[in-house]
């Protein structure tokens, strides 16, 4: 069985990233710069779990622009306080 695909939109503590990489197929954001809508859409199409932060704008337009057949993400696991960016 394949491992779950997890995407982090920003850097997390090194120990956490190491543990996630050991358990899941992990994509990180090595530059730690805010991602564009195009980059976020690409992660939504790839990841089973997307871990956004407050710097990520996940609005209706982002989800509507991605065809339903390409929407792979099943869970948004927010890292931070609040959820008004989603």
Protein backbone atom coordinates (compact mmCIF):
# COMPACT_ATOMS: atom_id res chain seq x y z
CA UNK A 1 0.00 0.00 0.00
CA UNK A 2 1.34 3.44 -0.85
CA UNK A 3 2.03 5.99 1.84
CA UNK A 4 -0.15 9.04 2.33
CA UNK A 5 1.12 12.14 0.58
CA UNK A 6 1.53 15.11 2.93
CA UNK A 7 2.43 18.64 1.83
CA UNK A 8 3.68 21.40 4.11
CA UNK A 9 3.20 24.88 2.68
CA UNK A 10 5.83 26.42 5.00
CA UNK A 11 8.71 25.09 7.10
CA UNK A 12 7.86 23.24 10.30
CA UNK A 13 10.25 22.39 13.13
CA UNK A 14 13.01 20.11 11.80
CA UNK A 15 12.13 17.26 14.16
CA UNK A 16 8.51 17.32 12.96
CA UNK A 17 9.52 17.36 9.28
CA UNK A 18 11.88 14.43 9.91
CA UNK A 19 9.14 12.40 11.57
CA UNK A 20 6.62 13.22 8.83
CA UNK A 21 9.13 12.21 6.14
CA UNK A 22 9.67 8.88 7.90
CA UNK A 23 5.95 8.12 7.98
CA UNK A 24 4.60 9.74 4.81
CA UNK A 25 5.58 10.81 1.32
CA UNK A 26 6.39 14.42 2.17
CA UNK A 27 6.72 17.59 0.14
CA UNK A 28 8.04 20.69 1.85
CA UNK A 29 8.58 24.29 0.88
CA UNK A 30 12.38 24.64 1.13
CA UNK A 31 12.34 28.40 0.47
CA UNK A 32 9.72 28.98 3.20
CA UNK A 33 8.21 31.73 1.04
CA UNK A 34 4.41 32.07 0.76
CA UNK A 35 3.12 29.93 -2.09
CA UNK A 36 1.17 31.33 -5.03
CA UNK A 37 -2.35 30.20 -5.87
CA UNK A 38 -0.90 28.11 -8.72
CA UNK A 39 1.54 26.39 -6.33
CA UNK A 40 -1.22 25.76 -3.78
CA UNK A 41 -3.46 24.29 -6.50
CA UNK A 42 -0.65 21.95 -7.55
CA UNK A 43 -0.31 20.74 -3.96
CA UNK A 44 -4.08 20.25 -3.66
CA UNK A 45 -3.90 18.06 -6.77
CA UNK A 46 -0.99 16.02 -5.35
CA UNK A 47 -1.43 15.71 -1.59
CA UNK A 48 -3.79 13.59 0.47
CA UNK A 49 -3.16 15.98 3.38
CA UNK A 50 -2.32 19.66 2.94
CA UNK A 51 -0.87 21.46 5.96
CA UNK A 52 -1.32 25.20 5.38
CA UNK A 53 -0.41 28.11 7.64
CA UNK A 54 -1.98 31.53 8.14
CA UNK A 55 0.03 32.91 5.20
CA UNK A 56 -1.85 30.65 2.76
CA UNK A 57 -5.04 31.92 1.17
CA UNK A 58 -7.27 28.91 0.57
CA UNK A 59 -10.42 30.57 -0.72
CA UNK A 60 -13.35 29.28 -2.77
CA UNK A 61 -11.79 30.50 -6.03
CA UNK A 62 -8.76 28.28 -5.44
CA UNK A 63 -10.90 25.16 -4.97
CA UNK A 64 -13.30 26.04 -7.79
CA UNK A 65 -10.43 26.51 -10.26
CA UNK A 66 -9.23 22.95 -9.69
CA UNK A 67 -11.30 20.34 -11.58
CA UNK A 68 -13.01 17.89 -9.23
CA UNK A 69 -11.09 14.99 -10.79
CA UNK A 70 -7.82 16.65 -9.74
CA UNK A 71 -8.81 17.38 -6.15
CA UNK A 72 -6.79 14.79 -4.26
CA UNK A 73 -6.56 16.50 -0.87
CA UNK A 74 -8.89 14.97 1.70
CA UNK A 75 -7.70 16.81 4.80
CA UNK A 76 -6.50 20.32 5.58
CA UNK A 77 -4.42 20.22 8.75
CA UNK A 78 -3.84 23.86 9.65
CA UNK A 79 -0.59 24.74 11.42
CA UNK A 80 -1.19 27.82 13.53
CA UNK A 81 -3.94 29.74 15.22
CA UNK A 82 -7.19 30.55 13.43
CA UNK A 83 -8.76 29.41 10.23
CA UNK A 84 -10.01 32.62 8.59
CA UNK A 85 -7.51 32.10 5.75
CA UNK A 86 -9.40 28.95 4.70
